[in-house]
């Protein structure tokens, strides 16, 4: 995904000025993560070294209930 985004950013330029249209950087968020598993510990160790990961959102019953009831948190 990162390589495809990089290629896309290089391809989308203003023909007249040669300026890039896309100047953003990609960021990641871990979502609906169960914190009490072995895979979470492994995942946490891996992403702790990645500067593009900005947040982890743990799986919580509050989110499930909010979705089922149609009420935003």
C-alpha atoms as a PDB file:
ATOM      1  CA  UNK A   1       0.000   0.000   0.000  1.00  0.00           C
ATOM      2  CA  UNK A   2       2.798   2.400   0.858  1.00  0.00           C
ATOM      3  CA  UNK A   3       4.532   1.722  -2.452  1.00  0.00           C
ATOM      4  CA  UNK A   4       1.311   2.250  -4.413  1.00  0.00           C
ATOM      5  CA  UNK A   5       0.674   5.543  -2.612  1.00  0.00           C
ATOM      6  CA  UNK A   6       4.222   6.671  -3.307  1.00  0.00           C
ATOM      7  CA  UNK A   7       3.871   5.847  -7.003  1.00  0.00           C
ATOM      8  CA  UNK A   8       0.537   7.654  -7.150  1.00  0.00           C
ATOM      9  CA  UNK A   9       1.976  10.755  -5.472  1.00  0.00           C
ATOM     10  CA  UNK A  10       4.799  10.852  -8.024  1.00  0.00           C
ATOM     11  CA  UNK A  11       2.392  10.424 -10.951  1.00  0.00           C
ATOM     12  CA  UNK A  12      -0.101  13.139 -10.013  1.00  0.00           C
ATOM     13  CA  UNK A  13       1.591  16.440 -10.810  1.00  0.00           C
ATOM     14  CA  UNK A  14       0.661  19.777 -12.319  1.00  0.00           C
ATOM     15  CA  UNK A  15       1.932  19.607 -15.893  1.00  0.00           C
ATOM     16  CA  UNK A  16       2.608  23.357 -16.123  1.00  0.00           C
ATOM     17  CA  UNK A  17       4.489  23.827 -12.851  1.00  0.00           C
ATOM     18  CA  UNK A  18       5.672  20.274 -12.109  1.00  0.00           C
ATOM     19  CA  UNK A  19       4.297  20.676  -8.565  1.00  0.00           C
ATOM     20  CA  UNK A  20       2.953  17.618  -6.810  1.00  0.00           C
ATOM     21  CA  UNK A  21      -0.767  17.673  -6.038  1.00  0.00           C
ATOM     22  CA  UNK A  22      -0.453  15.203  -3.164  1.00  0.00           C
ATOM     23  CA  UNK A  23       1.777  16.195  -0.265  1.00  0.00           C
ATOM     24  CA  UNK A  24       0.239  14.197   2.551  1.00  0.00           C
ATOM     25  CA  UNK A  25       1.759  11.300   4.451  1.00  0.00           C
ATOM     26  CA  UNK A  26      -0.094   8.104   5.259  1.00  0.00           C
ATOM     27  CA  UNK A  27      -0.882   7.270   8.879  1.00  0.00           C
ATOM     28  CA  UNK A  28      -2.320   4.150  10.470  1.00  0.00           C
ATOM     29  CA  UNK A  29      -4.669   3.396  13.356  1.00  0.00           C
ATOM     30  CA  UNK A  30      -5.206  -0.020  14.860  1.00  0.00           C
ATOM     31  CA  UNK A  31      -8.937  -0.512  15.311  1.00  0.00           C
ATOM     32  CA  UNK A  32     -11.042  -2.991  17.329  1.00  0.00           C
ATOM     33  CA  UNK A  33      -8.005  -4.611  18.917  1.00  0.00           C
ATOM     34  CA  UNK A  34      -8.535  -7.159  21.665  1.00  0.00           C
ATOM     35  CA  UNK A  35      -5.982  -6.258  24.304  1.00  0.00           C
ATOM     36  CA  UNK A  36      -5.915  -9.569  26.168  1.00  0.00           C
ATOM     37  CA  UNK A  37      -4.445 -11.794  23.466  1.00  0.00           C
ATOM     38  CA  UNK A  38      -1.018 -13.007  22.483  1.00  0.00           C
ATOM     39  CA  UNK A  39      -1.418 -11.562  18.994  1.00  0.00           C
ATOM     40  CA  UNK A  40      -2.055  -8.109  20.522  1.00  0.00           C
ATOM     41  CA  UNK A  41       1.264  -8.258  22.332  1.00  0.00           C
ATOM     42  CA  UNK A  42       3.069  -9.227  19.139  1.00  0.00           C
ATOM     43  CA  UNK A  43       1.218  -6.570  17.128  1.00  0.00           C
ATOM     44  CA  UNK A  44       1.930  -3.949  19.787  1.00  0.00           C
ATOM     45  CA  UNK A  45       5.659  -4.709  19.688  1.00  0.00           C
ATOM     46  CA  UNK A  46       5.751  -4.434  15.904  1.00  0.00           C
ATOM     47  CA  UNK A  47       3.820  -1.172  15.627  1.00  0.00           C
ATOM     48  CA  UNK A  48       5.627   0.508  18.507  1.00  0.00           C
ATOM     49  CA  UNK A  49       8.555   0.885  16.109  1.00  0.00           C
ATOM     50  CA  UNK A  50       6.435   2.353  13.293  1.00  0.00           C
ATOM     51  CA  UNK A  51       6.236   6.148  13.288  1.00  0.00           C
ATOM     52  CA  UNK A  52       3.190   6.075  10.983  1.00  0.00           C
ATOM     53  CA  UNK A  53       0.964   4.417  13.597  1.00  0.00           C
ATOM     54  CA  UNK A  54      -0.796   7.185  15.515  1.00  0.00           C
ATOM     55  CA  UNK A  55      -3.357   5.332  17.632  1.00  0.00           C
ATOM     56  CA  UNK A  56      -4.730   2.041  18.848  1.00  0.00           C
ATOM     57  CA  UNK A  57      -8.443   1.732  19.447  1.00  0.00           C
ATOM     58  CA  UNK A  58      -9.193  -1.227  21.654  1.00  0.00           C
ATOM     59  CA  UNK A  59     -12.293  -3.302  21.167  1.00  0.00           C
ATOM     60  CA  UNK A  60     -14.782  -2.208  23.816  1.00  0.00           C
ATOM     61  CA  UNK A  61     -18.365  -3.132  24.517  1.00  0.00           C
ATOM     62  CA  UNK A  62     -19.157   0.587  24.545  1.00  0.00           C
ATOM     63  CA  UNK A  63     -18.456   0.764  20.803  1.00  0.00           C
ATOM     64  CA  UNK A  64     -20.545  -2.335  20.116  1.00  0.00           C
ATOM     65  CA  UNK A  65     -23.493  -1.039  22.136  1.00  0.00           C
ATOM     66  CA  UNK A  66     -23.271   2.397  20.540  1.00  0.00           C
ATOM     67  CA  UNK A  67     -23.367   0.854  17.071  1.00  0.00           C
ATOM     68  CA  UNK A  68     -26.295  -1.402  17.883  1.00  0.00           C
ATOM     69  CA  UNK A  69     -28.282   1.420  19.456  1.00  0.00           C
ATOM     70  CA  UNK A  70     -27.351   3.907  16.717  1.00  0.00           C
ATOM     71  CA  UNK A  71     -26.106   6.415  19.288  1.00  0.00           C
ATOM     72  CA  UNK A  72     -22.749   8.137  18.707  1.00  0.00           C
ATOM     73  CA  UNK A  73     -20.258   8.141  21.552  1.00  0.00           C
END
